Amino acid sequence: MPEVKFNVGMTCEGCASAVKRILGKIDGVTDVQTNVEAKTVVVVTADDSVSPQGMLEKLQKWSAASGKSVELA
């Protein structure tokens, strides 16, 4: 199962919940693990059909609204 890691400027569990909700809606995503202290998100996908760039674009929309930073690690 492929993993994709992001650095996300999460500051609280509310941010983490939003990120999990956004990424969890993407077909092929099987698990989303967040770490607020380390400001990291690890996404596990069923296969390579899930585009890291597509996930990044979804997070960037949230980033623009929330003012949090987002980047592929």
Protein backbone atom coordinates (compact mmCIF):
# COMPACT_ATOMS: atom_id res chain seq x y z
CA MET A 1 0.00 0.00 0.00
CA PRO A 2 1.62 3.23 -1.14
CA GLU A 3 2.02 6.12 1.29
CA VAL A 4 2.15 9.83 0.57
CA LYS A 5 3.43 12.29 3.17
CA PHE A 6 2.50 15.95 3.50
CA ASN A 7 3.76 18.76 5.71
CA VAL A 8 0.67 20.63 6.87
CA GLY A 9 0.58 23.67 9.17
CA MET A 10 -1.99 22.12 11.53
CA THR A 11 -2.29 23.85 14.88
CA CYS A 12 -5.06 21.84 16.56
CA GLU A 13 -7.20 18.73 16.37
CA GLY A 14 -9.80 20.73 14.42
CA CYS A 15 -7.26 21.18 11.63
CA ALA A 16 -6.38 17.48 11.78
CA SER A 17 -10.05 16.50 11.56
CA ALA A 18 -10.57 18.75 8.54
CA VAL A 19 -7.56 17.25 6.77
CA LYS A 20 -8.74 13.69 7.54
CA ARG A 21 -12.23 14.50 6.26
CA ILE A 22 -10.94 16.08 3.02
CA LEU A 23 -8.50 13.30 2.19
CA GLY A 24 -10.80 10.51 3.36
CA LYS A 25 -13.36 11.46 0.69
CA ILE A 26 -10.92 10.68 -2.12
CA ASP A 27 -11.52 7.32 -3.82
CA GLY A 28 -8.62 4.95 -3.14
CA VAL A 29 -7.54 6.54 0.15
CA THR A 30 -7.62 3.82 2.81
CA ASP A 31 -6.14 5.64 5.83
CA VAL A 32 -5.14 9.15 6.89
CA GLN A 33 -2.79 9.60 9.86
CA THR A 34 -2.21 13.08 11.26
CA ASN A 35 0.35 14.33 13.76
CA VAL A 36 -0.39 17.87 14.92
CA GLU A 37 2.88 18.24 16.87
CA ALA A 38 5.05 17.17 13.94
CA LYS A 39 2.68 18.89 11.46
CA THR A 40 2.68 15.82 9.22
CA VAL A 41 0.01 13.83 7.41
CA VAL A 42 0.56 10.33 6.03
CA VAL A 43 -1.99 9.09 3.52
CA VAL A 44 -2.22 5.37 2.73
CA THR A 45 -3.75 4.48 -0.62
CA ALA A 46 -5.03 1.20 -2.04
CA ASP A 47 -2.76 1.51 -5.07
CA ASP A 48 -0.84 4.00 -7.21
CA SER A 49 -4.00 5.27 -8.93
CA VAL A 50 -4.41 8.04 -6.34
CA SER A 51 -2.44 11.08 -7.45
CA PRO A 52 -0.34 12.85 -4.79
CA GLN A 53 -0.82 16.04 -6.84
CA GLY A 54 -4.60 15.58 -6.73
CA MET A 55 -4.48 15.19 -2.94
CA LEU A 56 -2.27 18.26 -2.69
CA GLU A 57 -4.74 20.31 -4.73
CA LYS A 58 -7.59 19.31 -2.37
CA LEU A 59 -5.47 20.34 0.63
CA GLN A 60 -4.47 23.61 -1.04
CA LYS A 61 -8.13 24.62 -1.28
CA TRP A 62 -8.44 24.08 2.48
CA SER A 63 -5.11 25.88 2.95
CA ALA A 64 -6.36 28.96 1.10
CA ALA A 65 -9.45 29.13 3.30
CA SER A 66 -7.69 28.37 6.59
CA GLY A 67 -4.39 30.17 6.06
CA LYS A 68 -2.42 26.97 6.87
CA SER A 69 0.61 25.83 4.88
CA VAL A 70 0.54 22.62 2.83
CA GLU A 71 3.28 20.86 0.85
CA LEU A 72 4.34 17.40 -0.26
CA ALA A 73 7.04 16.13 2.08
